[in-house]
Amino acid sequence: MKLIITRHGETIENKAGILQGHLPGQLSAEGIGQAKALGKRLQSEKIDVIYASDLQRVVDTTREITSYHPDTEVIFTKELRERDLGEFQGQNKHEMTAMENLANTSLNIFEIDQNGNYEILCYNSVKHLE
């Protein structure tokens, strides 16, 4: 079995430094180009099924892949979403960093925390392959 893991194209929110979490996101012009390039790069790959987040930025990226694989089954699921950032969702990460510096603390929102979220993320990502 060959597992191909990709990332969605750049979003307008990525470019602006907005923390997206479960927000849908809109691909930027560069992100659309990245998604098209990804689709073209994967055109000769044998793809049996695509599992993807249901967030719009991922749906739009997946559309470019499926343009070369129109008969491939696609399963969109909320279980593959980026983690929910709660009250930090939609905030500008540069402003959040400035707030951390002012408070001389760390909000631990830019890295996977030490409470097992990494393992949960991996579990959520691979449980669909079983």
Protein backbone atom coordinates (compact mmCIF):
# COMPACT_ATOMS: atom_id res chain seq x y z
CA MET A 1 0.00 0.00 0.00
CA LYS A 2 1.21 3.48 -0.84
CA LEU A 3 -0.07 6.38 1.24
CA ILE A 4 0.11 9.87 -0.23
CA ILE A 5 -0.34 12.76 2.21
CA THR A 6 -0.81 16.27 0.87
CA ARG A 7 -1.68 19.68 2.20
CA HIS A 8 -4.24 22.13 0.87
CA GLY A 9 -3.06 25.08 -1.19
CA GLU A 10 -2.25 28.40 0.43
CA THR A 11 -5.30 30.30 1.60
CA ILE A 12 -5.99 34.00 1.78
CA GLU A 13 -6.12 33.49 5.55
CA ASN A 14 -2.69 31.75 5.59
CA LYS A 15 -1.21 34.70 3.74
CA ALA A 16 -2.78 37.16 6.20
CA GLY A 17 -1.57 35.17 9.23
CA ILE A 18 -5.08 34.20 10.31
CA LEU A 19 -5.37 31.09 12.49
CA GLN A 20 -7.92 28.96 10.66
CA GLY A 21 -8.63 25.85 12.69
CA HIS A 22 -12.12 24.79 11.62
CA LEU A 23 -12.75 27.88 9.48
CA PRO A 24 -13.31 26.95 5.81
CA GLY A 25 -10.55 29.07 4.25
CA GLN A 26 -10.44 30.33 0.68
CA LEU A 27 -7.58 29.43 -1.62
CA SER A 28 -5.46 32.39 -2.69
CA ALA A 29 -4.38 32.78 -6.32
CA GLU A 30 -1.11 31.09 -5.37
CA GLY A 31 -3.03 28.37 -3.51
CA ILE A 32 -5.12 27.66 -6.60
CA GLY A 33 -1.90 27.35 -8.58
CA GLN A 34 -0.46 25.02 -5.94
CA ALA A 35 -3.60 22.88 -6.02
CA LYS A 36 -3.47 22.67 -9.83
CA ALA A 37 0.22 21.74 -9.70
CA LEU A 38 -0.54 19.07 -7.08
CA GLY A 39 -3.27 17.60 -9.26
CA LYS A 40 -0.92 17.51 -12.23
CA ARG A 41 1.87 16.01 -10.11
CA LEU A 42 -0.46 13.21 -8.99
CA GLN A 43 -2.04 12.57 -12.39
CA SER A 44 0.02 9.43 -13.06
CA GLU A 45 -0.43 8.01 -9.55
CA LYS A 46 -2.84 5.14 -9.02
CA ILE A 47 -5.29 6.47 -6.44
CA ASP A 48 -7.96 4.11 -5.10
CA VAL A 49 -9.64 6.47 -2.67
CA ILE A 50 -9.14 9.99 -1.35
CA TYR A 51 -9.83 10.81 2.30
CA ALA A 52 -9.95 14.51 2.98
CA SER A 53 -11.14 17.10 5.45
CA ASP A 54 -14.52 18.65 4.69
CA LEU A 55 -13.18 22.19 5.01
CA GLN A 56 -13.58 24.26 1.84
CA ARG A 57 -9.83 24.86 1.38
CA VAL A 58 -9.34 21.09 1.25
CA VAL A 59 -12.40 20.47 -0.92
CA ASP A 60 -11.07 22.99 -3.46
CA THR A 61 -7.61 21.40 -3.44
CA THR A 62 -9.11 17.91 -3.77
CA ARG A 63 -11.13 19.08 -6.78
CA GLU A 64 -7.86 19.71 -8.62
CA ILE A 65 -6.64 16.19 -7.85
CA THR A 66 -9.91 14.61 -8.93
CA SER A 67 -9.81 16.51 -12.21
CA TYR A 68 -7.16 13.89 -13.15
CA HIS A 69 -8.91 11.08 -11.26
CA PRO A 70 -12.63 11.59 -11.95
CA ASP A 71 -13.63 8.04 -11.02
CA THR A 72 -11.79 7.99 -7.70
CA GLU A 73 -13.98 7.77 -4.61
CA VAL A 74 -13.63 10.83 -2.36
CA ILE A 75 -14.61 10.73 1.30
CA PHE A 76 -14.80 14.13 2.97
CA THR A 77 -14.87 13.92 6.75
CA LYS A 78 -14.75 16.39 9.61
CA GLU A 79 -12.49 13.96 11.46
CA LEU A 80 -9.57 15.02 9.25
CA ARG A 81 -9.97 18.71 9.99
CA GLU A 82 -7.21 20.79 11.47
CA ARG A 83 -7.69 21.02 15.21
CA ASP A 84 -10.24 23.45 16.58
CA LEU A 85 -8.45 26.52 17.88
CA GLY A 86 -11.40 27.71 19.96
CA GLU A 87 -11.32 31.41 20.76
CA PHE A 88 -8.07 31.80 18.79
CA GLN A 89 -9.72 30.75 15.53
CA GLY A 90 -9.90 33.69 13.16
CA GLN A 91 -7.28 35.65 15.12
CA ASN A 92 -4.11 36.98 13.54
CA LYS A 93 -1.16 34.84 14.68
CA HIS A 94 1.19 37.83 14.58
CA GLU A 95 -1.03 39.72 16.99
CA MET A 96 -1.30 36.61 19.17
CA THR A 97 2.50 36.37 19.31
CA ALA A 98 2.66 40.03 20.33
CA MET A 99 0.11 39.31 23.07
CA GLU A 100 2.20 36.36 24.27
CA ASN A 101 5.28 38.57 24.42
CA LEU A 102 3.42 41.25 26.37
CA ALA A 103 2.10 38.69 28.83
CA ASN A 104 5.47 36.88 28.87
CA THR A 105 3.64 33.57 28.52
CA SER A 106 2.98 31.01 25.84
CA LEU A 107 -0.52 30.29 24.60
CA ASN A 108 0.66 27.03 22.98
CA ILE A 109 -1.53 27.48 19.94
CA PHE A 110 1.07 27.30 17.21
CA GLU A 111 2.40 23.84 18.00
CA ILE A 112 0.72 20.60 18.91
CA ASP A 113 0.35 20.59 22.65
CA GLN A 114 1.68 18.02 25.10
CA ASN A 115 -1.75 16.60 26.02
CA GLY A 116 -1.78 13.98 23.31
CA ASN A 117 -3.17 16.07 20.45
CA TYR A 118 -0.42 14.79 18.15
CA GLU A 119 -1.43 11.20 18.79
CA ILE A 120 -5.10 12.09 18.40
CA LEU A 121 -4.35 13.84 15.10
CA CYS A 122 -2.44 10.81 13.84
CA TYR A 123 -5.18 8.48 15.04
CA ASN A 124 -7.86 10.53 13.30
CA SER A 125 -5.78 10.60 10.12
CA VAL A 126 -5.13 6.86 9.91
CA LYS A 127 -8.27 5.30 11.37
CA HIS A 128 -10.01 5.90 8.03
CA LEU A 129 -7.50 3.63 6.32
CA GLU A 130 -8.44 0.55 8.30
